[in-house]
């Protein structure tokens, strides 16, 4: 696999990460000492939910919405959280203080069902409360990603119906997205573009997808993708700034003829897409709409994290 294609999650290593403190169930561990049980539900089965969080000027951006999604996912999986969302938020900030972290930080917040009596899927053999792991790292998207953009490849792996595995669950079980990512990487692309069961464009393997069709910003209906926080903020920004935005079904034919395309995510914000399936999008460069929305999003982030 080509190690140079990492899409919007490509970053520069930071030596400070060697000394970070990690929180496991409210206890602090050095990076090299942070471990969970081999009987943990997350390790045995991928049974859990998670969030990626961005720290800007000492504040965790849009934390309430991230925690609402996390606790909603936990409830859907019938996981009984032992602490409230408010208490978990306080735990996050205590860890940032412990690490003396203020900016340029990305947090991975992971919650599994807990430790099992034996490695088996039945949730009723779980013998501990949920395992909560918080990993803060100095990690930022490469600046050139926001300008140069990425290449996508449409994969055969679909975003499925919610009665099979609900794509709105931000679960640890991500094999469909991992398989999609592998296929895209083998094709020489940065990330995968995924279709829904009807053949319409759904989302990417780790980000959300938008196109500019003439003067309108289009994204999927949202029926077959995670309820993205950044995705929602971009839709909100379009509505606030008189930019026509539509959540609708559209096909690859619409995508290939789009004026511009971009993806959104907590880690990198907005990143342009310069090529899809070997077709150049627009002129293959970051377009004016993407640049405008990037600035609007950065302004929103600054206001959120004053």
Protein backbone atom coordinates (compact mmCIF):
# COMPACT_ATOMS: atom_id res chain seq x y z
CA UNK A 1 0.00 0.00 0.00
CA UNK A 2 1.21 3.50 -0.81
CA UNK A 3 2.14 5.10 2.50
CA UNK A 4 2.18 8.56 0.91
CA UNK A 5 -1.59 8.66 0.37
CA UNK A 6 -3.26 9.49 3.65
CA UNK A 7 -5.88 11.94 2.48
CA UNK A 8 -7.14 14.63 4.81
CA UNK A 9 -5.64 12.84 7.83
CA UNK A 10 -2.03 13.25 6.72
CA UNK A 11 -0.02 15.05 9.39
CA UNK A 12 3.50 15.93 10.47
CA UNK A 13 4.91 13.89 13.35
CA UNK A 14 5.36 15.92 16.54
CA UNK A 15 8.04 14.71 19.02
CA UNK A 16 6.00 16.04 21.94
CA UNK A 17 3.58 13.15 21.45
CA UNK A 18 6.13 10.73 22.89
CA UNK A 19 5.49 12.16 26.35
CA UNK A 20 1.72 12.56 26.36
CA UNK A 21 -0.43 11.39 29.25
CA UNK A 22 -3.42 9.19 28.34
CA UNK A 23 -6.59 8.84 30.41
CA UNK A 24 -8.08 5.36 30.88
CA UNK A 25 -11.20 5.34 33.04
CA UNK A 26 -10.09 8.46 34.88
CA UNK A 27 -6.55 7.22 35.59
CA UNK A 28 -3.44 8.68 33.98
CA UNK A 29 -0.82 6.68 32.12
CA UNK A 30 2.29 7.51 30.12
CA UNK A 31 1.91 6.70 26.43
CA UNK A 32 4.02 3.54 26.65
CA UNK A 33 2.10 2.29 29.70
CA UNK A 34 -1.45 2.90 28.44
CA UNK A 35 -3.16 -0.48 27.89
CA UNK A 36 -6.59 -2.13 27.93
CA UNK A 37 -7.49 -5.75 28.62
CA UNK A 38 -7.43 -8.37 25.85
CA UNK A 39 -10.95 -9.16 27.10
CA UNK A 40 -12.15 -5.63 26.43
CA UNK A 41 -15.20 -5.44 24.16
CA UNK A 42 -13.51 -2.93 21.91
CA UNK A 43 -10.57 -5.26 21.27
CA UNK A 44 -12.58 -8.49 21.06
CA UNK A 45 -15.43 -7.23 18.89
CA UNK A 46 -15.08 -3.57 18.01
CA UNK A 47 -18.06 -3.03 20.33
CA UNK A 48 -18.03 0.67 21.14
CA UNK A 49 -18.35 4.25 19.95
CA UNK A 50 -15.86 7.07 19.52
CA UNK A 51 -15.38 10.74 18.68
CA UNK A 52 -12.59 12.79 17.18
CA UNK A 53 -12.25 16.21 18.83
CA UNK A 54 -10.33 19.32 17.88
CA UNK A 55 -8.76 21.69 20.42
CA UNK A 56 -8.47 25.31 19.33
CA UNK A 57 -7.24 28.10 21.61
CA UNK A 58 -7.65 25.83 24.64
CA UNK A 59 -11.26 24.94 23.86
CA UNK A 60 -12.69 21.72 22.44
CA UNK A 61 -14.65 22.80 19.38
CA UNK A 62 -18.36 21.92 19.29
CA UNK A 63 -17.93 19.61 22.29
CA UNK A 64 -21.62 19.52 23.23
CA UNK A 65 -22.58 18.20 19.80
CA UNK A 66 -19.83 15.60 19.82
CA UNK A 67 -20.86 14.34 23.25
CA UNK A 68 -24.51 14.30 22.22
CA UNK A 69 -23.58 12.05 19.28
CA UNK A 70 -21.40 9.84 21.50
CA UNK A 71 -24.07 9.34 24.14
CA UNK A 72 -26.71 8.82 21.48
CA UNK A 73 -24.61 6.05 19.95
CA UNK A 74 -24.00 4.49 23.36
CA UNK A 75 -27.73 4.45 24.05
CA UNK A 76 -28.46 2.90 20.66
CA UNK A 77 -25.98 0.12 21.54
CA UNK A 78 -27.56 -0.24 25.00
CA UNK A 79 -24.32 0.77 26.74
CA UNK A 80 -24.92 2.24 30.19
CA UNK A 81 -22.48 5.11 30.69
CA UNK A 82 -21.30 5.44 34.29
CA UNK A 83 -20.62 9.18 33.99
CA UNK A 84 -22.65 12.04 32.57
CA UNK A 85 -21.73 13.99 29.46
CA UNK A 86 -20.85 16.95 31.69
CA UNK A 87 -18.52 14.80 33.80
CA UNK A 88 -16.88 13.38 30.69
CA UNK A 89 -16.35 16.90 29.38
CA UNK A 90 -14.64 17.82 32.64
CA UNK A 91 -12.45 14.73 32.35
CA UNK A 92 -11.39 15.82 28.85
CA UNK A 93 -10.37 19.28 30.04
CA UNK A 94 -8.52 17.90 33.08
CA UNK A 95 -6.44 15.74 30.75
CA UNK A 96 -5.62 18.71 28.53
CA UNK A 97 -4.51 20.59 31.65
CA UNK A 98 -2.46 17.58 32.78
CA UNK A 99 -0.67 17.61 29.41
CA UNK A 100 -0.46 21.43 29.32
CA UNK A 101 -2.11 21.34 25.88
CA UNK A 102 -3.81 24.39 24.43
CA UNK A 103 -3.73 24.39 20.64
CA UNK A 104 -3.05 22.22 17.62
CA UNK A 105 -4.40 19.18 19.47
CA UNK A 106 -6.58 16.33 18.25
CA UNK A 107 -8.31 14.06 20.76
CA UNK A 108 -9.49 10.52 20.14
CA UNK A 109 -12.24 9.71 22.64
CA UNK A 110 -13.06 5.99 22.66
CA UNK A 111 -15.71 4.15 24.65
CA UNK A 112 -16.11 0.38 24.58
CA UNK A 113 -18.79 -1.69 26.32
CA UNK A 114 -16.23 -2.86 28.88
CA UNK A 115 -14.33 -6.01 29.86
CA UNK A 116 -15.90 -9.42 29.23
CA UNK A 117 -15.76 -12.56 31.33
CA UNK A 118 -14.78 -14.47 28.19
CA UNK A 119 -14.23 -13.48 24.54
CA UNK A 120 -17.77 -13.80 23.22
CA UNK A 121 -20.18 -11.33 21.62
CA UNK A 122 -23.14 -11.43 24.08
CA UNK A 123 -23.20 -8.05 25.91
CA UNK A 124 -24.58 -9.78 29.01
CA UNK A 125 -21.18 -11.31 29.79
CA UNK A 126 -19.61 -7.86 30.18
CA UNK A 127 -18.39 -7.58 33.77
CA UNK A 128 -17.22 -3.95 34.03
CA UNK A 129 -18.61 -0.52 33.22
CA UNK A 130 -17.67 0.93 29.81
CA UNK A 131 -13.98 1.46 29.15
CA UNK A 132 -13.30 5.14 28.39
CA UNK A 133 -9.97 6.03 26.77
CA UNK A 134 -8.87 9.58 25.93
CA UNK A 135 -5.81 10.05 23.70
CA UNK A 136 -4.79 13.70 23.09
CA UNK A 137 -2.04 14.32 20.54
CA UNK A 138 -0.36 17.31 18.97
CA UNK A 139 -1.66 16.72 15.48
CA UNK A 140 -2.73 19.05 12.71
CA UNK A 141 -3.56 18.52 9.07
CA UNK A 142 -0.78 19.50 6.68
CA UNK A 143 -1.35 23.07 5.43
CA UNK A 144 -0.95 21.99 1.81
CA UNK A 145 -3.95 19.67 2.09
CA UNK A 146 -6.25 22.70 2.31
CA UNK A 147 -4.79 24.06 -0.93
CA UNK A 148 -3.64 21.10 -2.99
CA UNK A 149 -6.56 18.87 -2.10
CA UNK A 150 -6.99 15.14 -2.50
CA UNK A 151 -7.85 12.43 -5.01
CA UNK A 152 -10.85 10.14 -4.55
CA UNK A 153 -11.71 6.75 -6.01
CA UNK A 154 -15.24 5.32 -6.08
CA UNK A 155 -15.18 1.89 -4.44
CA UNK A 156 -17.49 -1.11 -4.65
CA UNK A 157 -18.11 -1.08 -0.88
CA UNK A 158 -21.47 0.58 -0.18
CA UNK A 159 -22.89 2.46 2.74
CA UNK A 160 -25.66 0.10 3.75
CA UNK A 161 -29.16 0.14 5.11
CA UNK A 162 -29.60 1.00 8.80
CA UNK A 163 -31.16 -2.40 9.49
CA UNK A 164 -27.82 -4.05 8.62
CA UNK A 165 -25.37 -1.66 10.29
CA UNK A 166 -26.62 1.85 10.79
CA UNK A 167 -24.11 4.24 9.17
CA UNK A 168 -25.20 6.92 11.63
CA UNK A 169 -23.48 4.98 14.43
CA UNK A 170 -19.91 6.18 14.96
CA UNK A 171 -18.93 2.69 16.06
CA UNK A 172 -15.55 1.05 16.49
CA UNK A 173 -16.64 -1.55 13.93
CA UNK A 174 -15.40 0.23 10.79
CA UNK A 175 -14.47 -2.68 8.53
CA UNK A 176 -16.63 -1.45 5.65
CA UNK A 177 -14.83 1.91 5.74
CA UNK A 178 -11.44 0.23 6.16
CA UNK A 179 -12.13 -2.03 3.17
CA UNK A 180 -13.15 1.03 1.17
CA UNK A 181 -9.98 2.86 2.23
CA UNK A 182 -7.83 -0.12 1.18
CA UNK A 183 -9.45 -0.29 -2.24
CA UNK A 184 -8.96 3.45 -2.80
CA UNK A 185 -5.32 3.28 -1.69
CA UNK A 186 -4.65 0.33 -4.01
CA UNK A 187 -6.06 2.47 -6.82
CA UNK A 188 -3.60 5.25 -5.96
CA UNK A 189 -6.18 7.59 -4.41
CA UNK A 190 -6.17 9.32 -1.04
CA UNK A 191 -9.64 8.37 0.15
CA UNK A 192 -12.67 6.39 -1.00
CA UNK A 193 -15.92 7.79 -2.34
CA UNK A 194 -18.77 5.50 -1.27
CA UNK A 195 -22.22 5.09 -2.82
CA UNK A 196 -25.48 4.22 -1.10
CA UNK A 197 -27.47 1.03 -1.86
CA UNK A 198 -29.27 2.82 -4.72
CA UNK A 199 -26.08 3.97 -6.46
CA UNK A 200 -26.26 7.58 -5.34
CA UNK A 201 -23.26 9.28 -3.75
CA UNK A 202 -23.27 8.86 0.03
CA UNK A 203 -19.99 9.91 1.65
CA UNK A 204 -16.29 9.10 1.90
CA UNK A 205 -14.66 6.47 4.08
CA UNK A 206 -13.60 9.02 6.72
CA UNK A 207 -15.00 12.38 5.60
CA UNK A 208 -18.19 13.86 4.14
CA UNK A 209 -18.49 14.81 0.49
CA UNK A 210 -19.81 17.94 -1.26
CA UNK A 211 -19.87 19.24 -4.82
CA UNK A 212 -20.55 22.63 -6.35
CA UNK A 213 -23.10 22.10 -9.11
CA UNK A 214 -23.29 25.34 -11.06
CA UNK A 215 -24.06 27.81 -8.25
CA UNK A 216 -25.42 25.32 -5.71
CA UNK A 217 -23.60 23.34 -3.04
CA UNK A 218 -24.81 19.73 -3.00
CA UNK A 219 -24.28 16.98 -0.46
CA UNK A 220 -26.04 13.67 0.06
CA UNK A 221 -29.40 13.31 1.77
CA UNK A 222 -27.54 12.12 4.86
CA UNK A 223 -29.61 8.93 4.98
CA UNK A 224 -26.53 6.72 4.57
CA UNK A 225 -23.81 8.59 6.38
CA UNK A 226 -22.75 9.63 9.85
CA UNK A 227 -24.31 12.82 11.16
CA UNK A 228 -21.11 14.78 10.64
CA UNK A 229 -20.52 17.76 12.92
CA UNK A 230 -18.39 19.65 10.37
CA UNK A 231 -20.79 18.64 7.58
CA UNK A 232 -23.63 20.24 9.54
CA UNK A 233 -21.58 23.38 10.19
CA UNK A 234 -20.86 23.82 6.47
CA UNK A 235 -24.56 23.48 5.64
CA UNK A 236 -25.29 26.04 8.36
CA UNK A 237 -22.65 28.41 6.95
CA UNK A 238 -24.14 28.16 3.46
CA UNK A 239 -27.59 29.00 4.80
CA UNK A 240 -26.25 31.95 6.80
CA UNK A 241 -24.35 33.38 3.83
CA UNK A 242 -26.99 33.07 1.11
CA UNK A 243 -25.17 30.20 -0.61
CA UNK A 244 -27.74 27.78 -2.07
CA UNK A 245 -27.23 24.38 -0.45
CA UNK A 246 -29.15 21.17 -1.09
CA UNK A 247 -29.15 17.77 0.60
CA UNK A 248 -30.24 15.49 -2.23
CA UNK A 249 -29.62 12.35 -4.26
CA UNK A 250 -27.06 12.75 -7.02
CA UNK A 251 -24.99 10.35 -9.09
CA UNK A 252 -21.40 10.06 -10.28
CA UNK A 253 -22.43 11.73 -13.53
CA UNK A 254 -23.19 14.87 -11.52
CA UNK A 255 -19.91 14.51 -9.64
CA UNK A 256 -17.69 14.24 -12.71
CA UNK A 257 -19.17 17.42 -14.20
CA UNK A 258 -19.08 19.41 -10.94
CA UNK A 259 -17.42 22.82 -10.86
CA UNK A 260 -15.76 22.04 -7.53
CA UNK A 261 -15.74 19.30 -4.92
CA UNK A 262 -14.59 19.10 -1.31
CA UNK A 263 -14.70 16.97 1.81
CA UNK A 264 -15.28 17.90 5.44
CA UNK A 265 -14.17 16.47 8.76
CA UNK A 266 -13.21 17.43 12.30
CA UNK A 267 -9.48 16.91 11.72
CA UNK A 268 -8.86 18.91 8.54
CA UNK A 269 -11.97 21.06 8.31
CA UNK A 270 -12.58 21.55 4.57
CA UNK A 271 -10.28 20.14 1.90
CA UNK A 272 -10.73 20.45 -1.87
CA UNK A 273 -11.00 17.39 -4.12
CA UNK A 274 -9.00 17.79 -7.31
CA UNK A 275 -9.65 14.41 -8.97
CA UNK A 276 -12.20 11.60 -8.80
CA UNK A 277 -11.83 8.29 -10.65
CA UNK A 278 -9.22 9.83 -12.93
CA UNK A 279 -11.48 12.76 -13.85
CA UNK A 280 -10.21 16.23 -13.05
CA UNK A 281 -12.78 18.23 -11.08
CA UNK A 282 -13.15 21.71 -12.51
CA UNK A 283 -9.67 22.87 -13.41
CA UNK A 284 -8.08 20.52 -10.86
CA UNK A 285 -7.31 23.35 -8.47
CA UNK A 286 -8.96 24.68 -5.30
CA UNK A 287 -11.97 26.68 -6.46
CA UNK A 288 -13.31 30.00 -5.15
CA UNK A 289 -16.29 28.42 -3.37
CA UNK A 290 -14.11 26.00 -1.44
CA UNK A 291 -11.76 28.83 -0.49
CA UNK A 292 -14.69 30.97 0.65
CA UNK A 293 -16.20 28.17 2.75
CA UNK A 294 -12.80 27.38 4.27
CA UNK A 295 -12.51 30.96 5.49
CA UNK A 296 -16.08 31.01 6.77
CA UNK A 297 -15.45 27.80 8.68
CA UNK A 298 -12.23 29.16 10.20
CA UNK A 299 -14.15 32.27 11.28
CA UNK A 300 -16.82 30.08 12.87
CA UNK A 301 -14.12 28.07 14.66
CA UNK A 302 -12.57 31.25 16.03
CA UNK A 303 -15.94 32.45 17.32
CA UNK A 304 -16.65 29.05 18.88
CA UNK A 305 -13.28 28.92 20.62
CA UNK A 306 -12.89 32.48 21.88
